[in-house]
């Protein structure tokens, strides 16, 4: 009979430390990583020191620039090999359970993101829970500098509250609890909270390593994430 008891939780390495360790393991300077990602040296240094928030867009650029799976930056320390699968083969039989209150919380007061299923490497999908506090485009741009863009497709489901969804191609639309949206992540987009309570989303994005036959490479087209 299989043991149904949950596995002990491995302490997590802060993402900044993971980025620094991966960079040093590859023998790269901050300047070289800057060229690979399009991110400034100062931003990379702040991320490594934990002085800047790691947005999904920045996480995606760093993973691609270092040629690693995104989960290697956000997975529990020392827990990669057991759940890893080759990026060149379709994984079968893998499973991970995320208990309530687990996951890796990242972000800032306006956008708090908890990454889920971080134990699995080479995932095709990146699931996360996002809590949105920002209520104006001005607040959003102050945090991100521009609309968020990333290769692949994105799905979001509103768990609670209301969300005003902005893109560079369509008029803003309000999504209520229970509504969902599926869109091209290469299109600049922004989520804003509506009303007096925070808004919570379940969001699923394609992984940086996901082999999608028709996927455009926005990393080459839009190198700047600052």
Protein backbone atom coordinates (compact mmCIF):
# COMPACT_ATOMS: atom_id res chain seq x y z
CA UNK A 1 0.00 0.00 0.00
CA UNK A 2 1.26 3.47 -0.87
CA UNK A 3 2.04 5.82 1.99
CA UNK A 4 -0.55 8.59 1.77
CA UNK A 5 1.10 10.84 4.35
CA UNK A 6 2.41 14.13 2.94
CA UNK A 7 6.14 14.44 2.36
CA UNK A 8 8.03 16.81 4.67
CA UNK A 9 8.35 20.32 3.33
CA UNK A 10 11.90 21.21 2.29
CA UNK A 11 13.03 24.72 3.25
CA UNK A 12 12.93 27.05 0.27
CA UNK A 13 15.92 28.91 -1.07
CA UNK A 14 15.02 32.57 -1.67
CA UNK A 15 14.67 33.21 -5.44
CA UNK A 16 17.41 35.84 -5.36
CA UNK A 17 19.86 33.34 -3.88
CA UNK A 18 18.78 30.75 -6.44
CA UNK A 19 19.39 33.20 -9.29
CA UNK A 20 22.85 34.05 -7.95
CA UNK A 21 23.73 30.37 -7.47
CA UNK A 22 22.57 29.47 -10.99
CA UNK A 23 24.48 32.40 -12.47
CA UNK A 24 27.70 31.50 -10.67
CA UNK A 25 27.31 27.82 -11.56
CA UNK A 26 27.18 28.88 -15.22
CA UNK A 27 30.20 31.16 -14.75
CA UNK A 28 28.30 34.28 -15.82
CA UNK A 29 28.70 37.86 -14.66
CA UNK A 30 25.76 40.16 -14.02
CA UNK A 31 26.70 41.98 -17.22
CA UNK A 32 26.50 38.77 -19.25
CA UNK A 33 23.12 37.89 -17.74
CA UNK A 34 21.98 41.43 -18.52
CA UNK A 35 22.79 40.89 -22.20
CA UNK A 36 20.97 37.55 -22.22
CA UNK A 37 17.83 38.87 -20.55
CA UNK A 38 17.61 42.52 -21.58
CA UNK A 39 17.37 43.46 -17.89
CA UNK A 40 19.69 46.07 -16.41
CA UNK A 41 22.59 45.06 -14.18
CA UNK A 42 21.14 47.12 -11.33
CA UNK A 43 17.79 45.31 -11.56
CA UNK A 44 19.49 41.90 -11.61
CA UNK A 45 21.62 42.86 -8.61
CA UNK A 46 18.52 43.98 -6.68
CA UNK A 47 16.74 40.73 -7.53
CA UNK A 48 19.68 38.65 -6.31
CA UNK A 49 19.81 40.60 -3.05
CA UNK A 50 16.05 40.38 -2.55
CA UNK A 51 15.64 44.15 -2.87
CA UNK A 52 13.27 43.95 -5.86
CA UNK A 53 10.15 41.89 -6.49
CA UNK A 54 10.36 39.02 -8.97
CA UNK A 55 7.43 39.39 -11.36
CA UNK A 56 6.38 36.57 -13.69
CA UNK A 57 7.83 38.48 -16.66
CA UNK A 58 11.22 38.85 -14.97
CA UNK A 59 11.15 35.21 -13.85
CA UNK A 60 10.48 34.17 -17.45
CA UNK A 61 13.32 36.31 -18.84
CA UNK A 62 15.82 35.05 -16.26
CA UNK A 63 14.89 31.40 -16.86
CA UNK A 64 15.32 31.82 -20.61
CA UNK A 65 18.50 33.84 -20.23
CA UNK A 66 20.09 31.20 -17.99
CA UNK A 67 18.57 28.37 -20.06
CA UNK A 68 17.03 26.73 -16.99
CA UNK A 69 13.54 25.65 -16.03
CA UNK A 70 11.55 28.34 -14.22
CA UNK A 71 10.98 25.98 -11.30
CA UNK A 72 14.73 25.90 -10.62
CA UNK A 73 14.39 29.51 -9.47
CA UNK A 74 11.31 29.00 -7.28
CA UNK A 75 11.43 25.31 -6.23
CA UNK A 76 12.26 24.20 -2.67
CA UNK A 77 16.01 23.97 -2.18
CA UNK A 78 17.48 20.56 -2.86
CA UNK A 79 14.19 19.14 -4.13
CA UNK A 80 14.75 19.22 -7.88
CA UNK A 81 15.89 15.77 -8.92
CA UNK A 82 13.10 13.68 -7.42
CA UNK A 83 10.38 15.37 -9.43
CA UNK A 84 12.36 16.32 -12.52
CA UNK A 85 11.54 15.18 -16.01
CA UNK A 86 13.53 15.71 -19.17
CA UNK A 87 12.35 18.80 -21.10
CA UNK A 88 12.67 16.77 -24.30
CA UNK A 89 10.27 14.01 -23.28
CA UNK A 90 6.64 14.04 -22.25
CA UNK A 91 6.38 13.46 -18.51
CA UNK A 92 4.09 10.63 -17.43
CA UNK A 93 2.95 9.56 -13.99
CA UNK A 94 4.12 12.70 -12.20
CA UNK A 95 2.05 14.21 -9.42
CA UNK A 96 2.38 16.87 -6.77
CA UNK A 97 -0.09 18.03 -4.12
CA UNK A 98 -0.15 21.59 -2.82
CA UNK A 99 -1.76 21.88 0.60
CA UNK A 100 -3.64 25.01 1.64
CA UNK A 101 -1.17 27.62 2.85
CA UNK A 102 1.74 26.10 0.95
CA UNK A 103 3.24 27.41 -2.27
CA UNK A 104 5.93 30.05 -2.72
CA UNK A 105 4.73 33.61 -2.01
CA UNK A 106 6.48 36.37 -3.96
CA UNK A 107 5.60 39.88 -5.00
CA UNK A 108 4.82 43.19 -3.37
CA UNK A 109 1.90 44.98 -1.65
CA UNK A 110 0.15 45.68 -4.98
CA UNK A 111 0.65 42.26 -6.56
CA UNK A 112 1.24 39.24 -4.35
CA UNK A 113 1.80 35.97 -6.20
CA UNK A 114 1.94 32.48 -4.71
CA UNK A 115 3.51 29.96 -7.10
CA UNK A 116 2.09 26.44 -6.92
CA UNK A 117 3.49 22.99 -7.79
CA UNK A 118 7.01 24.35 -7.43
CA UNK A 119 8.41 20.88 -6.68
CA UNK A 120 8.03 19.79 -10.32
CA UNK A 121 10.69 20.72 -12.85
CA UNK A 122 10.13 21.09 -16.60
CA UNK A 123 6.42 21.74 -16.22
CA UNK A 124 4.50 22.82 -19.29
CA UNK A 125 2.31 25.06 -17.13
CA UNK A 126 3.04 27.52 -14.31
CA UNK A 127 0.08 27.79 -11.89
CA UNK A 128 -0.16 30.65 -9.42
CA UNK A 129 -2.55 32.55 -7.16
CA UNK A 130 -2.35 36.34 -7.49
CA UNK A 131 -3.80 38.88 -5.06
CA UNK A 132 -4.27 42.29 -6.68
CA UNK A 133 -4.37 45.52 -4.69
CA UNK A 134 -3.55 48.09 -7.41
CA UNK A 135 -6.63 49.97 -8.59
CA UNK A 136 -5.25 52.28 -11.26
CA UNK A 137 -3.04 52.03 -14.33
CA UNK A 138 -0.76 54.58 -12.66
CA UNK A 139 -0.16 52.20 -9.75
CA UNK A 140 0.44 49.34 -12.17
CA UNK A 141 2.92 51.29 -14.31
CA UNK A 142 4.75 52.50 -11.20
CA UNK A 143 5.38 48.86 -10.31
CA UNK A 144 6.03 47.35 -13.75
CA UNK A 145 6.95 50.29 -16.01
CA UNK A 146 4.80 48.97 -18.86
CA UNK A 147 2.17 46.37 -19.61
CA UNK A 148 3.33 42.82 -18.87
CA UNK A 149 4.27 40.67 -21.87
CA UNK A 150 5.58 37.12 -22.06
CA UNK A 151 5.69 34.30 -24.62
CA UNK A 152 2.94 31.70 -24.53
CA UNK A 153 -0.70 31.78 -23.52
CA UNK A 154 -2.29 32.69 -20.19
CA UNK A 155 -5.50 31.68 -18.42
CA UNK A 156 -6.97 33.46 -15.40
CA UNK A 157 -10.00 32.62 -13.26
CA UNK A 158 -11.36 35.16 -10.76
CA UNK A 159 -11.65 33.49 -7.35
CA UNK A 160 -12.98 36.50 -5.47
CA UNK A 161 -13.52 40.20 -5.97
CA UNK A 162 -13.63 41.99 -9.31
CA UNK A 163 -10.81 42.48 -11.80
CA UNK A 164 -10.47 45.10 -14.52
CA UNK A 165 -8.44 43.54 -17.33
CA UNK A 166 -6.51 45.90 -19.63
CA UNK A 167 -4.65 45.08 -22.85
CA UNK A 168 -2.93 47.12 -25.53
CA UNK A 169 -5.39 45.88 -28.19
CA UNK A 170 -8.80 45.76 -26.51
CA UNK A 171 -10.94 48.04 -24.35
CA UNK A 172 -10.79 47.28 -20.60
CA UNK A 173 -13.24 44.64 -19.37
CA UNK A 174 -14.46 43.88 -15.83
CA UNK A 175 -14.36 40.24 -14.69
CA UNK A 176 -16.41 39.08 -11.71
CA UNK A 177 -15.88 36.13 -9.38
CA UNK A 178 -16.39 32.98 -11.44
CA UNK A 179 -15.41 34.67 -14.74
CA UNK A 180 -12.30 33.63 -16.64
CA UNK A 181 -10.16 34.84 -19.52
CA UNK A 182 -7.73 33.10 -21.89
CA UNK A 183 -5.37 35.19 -24.01
CA UNK A 184 -2.04 35.54 -25.81
CA UNK A 185 0.63 36.50 -23.27
CA UNK A 186 2.63 38.35 -25.94
CA UNK A 187 -0.10 41.00 -25.89
CA UNK A 188 0.63 43.66 -23.27
CA UNK A 189 -1.76 43.22 -20.36
CA UNK A 190 -2.53 44.42 -16.84
CA UNK A 191 -4.83 43.35 -13.99
CA UNK A 192 -6.43 45.92 -11.68
CA UNK A 193 -8.61 45.41 -8.62
CA UNK A 194 -12.12 46.90 -8.59
CA UNK A 195 -13.91 47.92 -5.40
CA UNK A 196 -12.80 48.03 -1.79
CA UNK A 197 -11.61 44.44 -1.37
CA UNK A 198 -8.55 42.71 -2.88
CA UNK A 199 -9.09 40.59 -5.97
CA UNK A 200 -7.74 37.04 -6.20
CA UNK A 201 -7.00 35.14 -9.40
CA UNK A 202 -5.96 31.62 -10.28
CA UNK A 203 -3.59 32.13 -13.21
CA UNK A 204 -1.92 29.49 -15.38
CA UNK A 205 0.83 30.43 -17.86
CA UNK A 206 2.90 28.39 -20.25
CA UNK A 207 6.35 27.61 -18.91
CA UNK A 208 9.41 29.26 -20.44
CA UNK A 209 10.52 25.79 -21.53
CA UNK A 210 7.15 24.69 -22.92
CA UNK A 211 7.54 23.42 -26.47
CA UNK A 212 4.54 24.98 -28.19
CA UNK A 213 4.69 24.62 -32.00
CA UNK A 214 3.05 27.95 -32.80
CA UNK A 215 4.46 30.08 -30.03
CA UNK A 216 6.01 33.42 -30.94
CA UNK A 217 9.28 34.36 -29.27
CA UNK A 218 8.62 37.65 -27.55
CA UNK A 219 11.92 37.36 -25.67
CA UNK A 220 13.70 38.34 -28.87
CA UNK A 221 11.14 40.93 -29.92
CA UNK A 222 10.85 42.71 -26.56
CA UNK A 223 14.14 42.40 -24.63
CA UNK A 224 13.47 45.01 -21.95
CA UNK A 225 11.64 44.14 -18.73
CA UNK A 226 12.65 47.13 -16.58
